[in-house]
Amino acid sequence: MNQYTEQELYKNFSENLIFLRKADGHKLSQKSLARLLNLSEYSISMYEIGRTAPSAYAVYQVASYFGVSMERLLTTKLQKG
């Protein structure tokens, strides 16, 4: 089993959130994504710059919307495959 530090999980989430939000099939603004996920635009911004750790609810909402597992969202760099 791979071991990840809390910081690594947050960093992966941050990078993946940016990647997924800007991906060709989506190209969403932070504001648009926030509305779709019932989160604040401020929260999306803070998650993306790594200033705030996402709640389990936020991770679930992002994973569900983009069709990826919570585990992949936190442990995989999605832009690399």
Protein backbone atom coordinates (compact mmCIF):
# COMPACT_ATOMS: atom_id res chain seq x y z
CA MET A 1 0.00 0.00 0.00
CA ASN A 2 1.34 3.42 -0.94
CA GLN A 3 1.77 5.87 1.88
CA TYR A 4 1.05 9.53 1.20
CA THR A 5 1.58 12.47 3.47
CA GLU A 6 -1.34 14.77 4.10
CA GLN A 7 0.47 17.49 2.13
CA GLU A 8 0.91 15.17 -0.88
CA LEU A 9 -2.80 14.38 -0.88
CA TYR A 10 -3.72 18.07 -0.76
CA LYS A 11 -1.22 18.89 -3.52
CA ASN A 12 -2.61 16.15 -5.77
CA PHE A 13 -6.15 17.35 -5.11
CA SER A 14 -5.18 20.93 -5.93
CA GLU A 15 -3.42 20.02 -9.19
CA ASN A 16 -6.17 17.63 -10.23
CA LEU A 17 -8.92 20.15 -9.51
CA ILE A 18 -7.22 22.71 -11.76
CA PHE A 19 -6.61 20.11 -14.47
CA LEU A 20 -10.17 18.78 -14.44
CA ARG A 21 -11.77 22.22 -14.29
CA LYS A 22 -9.77 23.42 -17.30
CA ALA A 23 -9.89 20.16 -19.30
CA ASP A 24 -11.21 20.31 -22.86
CA GLY A 25 -14.56 18.75 -22.05
CA HIS A 26 -15.25 21.21 -19.23
CA LYS A 27 -13.35 24.53 -19.38
CA LEU A 28 -15.17 25.84 -16.33
CA SER A 29 -14.46 29.01 -14.39
CA GLN A 30 -14.02 28.71 -10.65
CA LYS A 31 -17.36 30.46 -10.23
CA SER A 32 -19.18 28.06 -12.57
CA LEU A 33 -17.69 24.99 -10.89
CA ALA A 34 -18.54 26.35 -7.45
CA ARG A 35 -22.19 26.77 -8.46
CA LEU A 36 -22.35 23.27 -9.94
CA LEU A 37 -20.88 21.69 -6.80
CA ASN A 38 -22.73 23.84 -4.27
CA LEU A 39 -19.41 25.16 -2.93
CA SER A 40 -18.18 28.73 -2.67
CA GLU A 41 -15.99 30.28 -5.35
CA TYR A 42 -13.61 31.25 -2.55
CA SER A 43 -13.30 27.59 -1.50
CA ILE A 44 -12.49 26.48 -5.06
CA SER A 45 -9.85 29.19 -5.27
CA MET A 46 -8.30 28.23 -1.92
CA TYR A 47 -8.27 24.52 -2.82
CA GLU A 48 -6.53 25.25 -6.11
CA ILE A 49 -3.75 27.30 -4.56
CA GLY A 50 -3.39 24.84 -1.69
CA ARG A 51 -4.27 27.37 0.97
CA THR A 52 -7.19 25.37 2.38
CA ALA A 53 -7.60 21.63 2.82
CA PRO A 54 -10.79 20.31 1.20
CA SER A 55 -13.46 18.74 3.33
CA ALA A 56 -14.52 15.17 2.66
CA TYR A 57 -17.72 16.66 1.20
CA ALA A 58 -15.75 18.83 -1.24
CA VAL A 59 -13.59 15.89 -2.35
CA TYR A 60 -16.74 13.80 -2.85
CA GLN A 61 -18.48 16.56 -4.84
CA VAL A 62 -15.48 17.07 -7.15
CA ALA A 63 -14.94 13.33 -7.66
CA SER A 64 -18.62 12.72 -8.39
CA TYR A 65 -18.95 15.61 -10.82
CA PHE A 66 -15.86 14.67 -12.85
CA GLY A 67 -16.46 10.90 -12.68
CA VAL A 68 -13.25 9.94 -10.90
CA SER A 69 -12.83 8.08 -7.64
CA MET A 70 -11.94 10.01 -4.52
CA GLU A 71 -8.83 7.85 -4.22
CA ARG A 72 -7.62 8.75 -7.73
CA LEU A 73 -8.40 12.41 -7.13
CA LEU A 74 -6.18 12.40 -4.04
CA THR A 75 -3.40 9.99 -5.01
CA THR A 76 -2.88 10.25 -8.78
CA LYS A 77 -1.64 13.06 -10.98
CA LEU A 78 -4.47 12.85 -13.50
CA GLN A 79 -2.80 15.00 -16.17
CA LYS A 80 -0.12 12.32 -16.51
CA GLY A 81 -2.60 9.59 -17.22
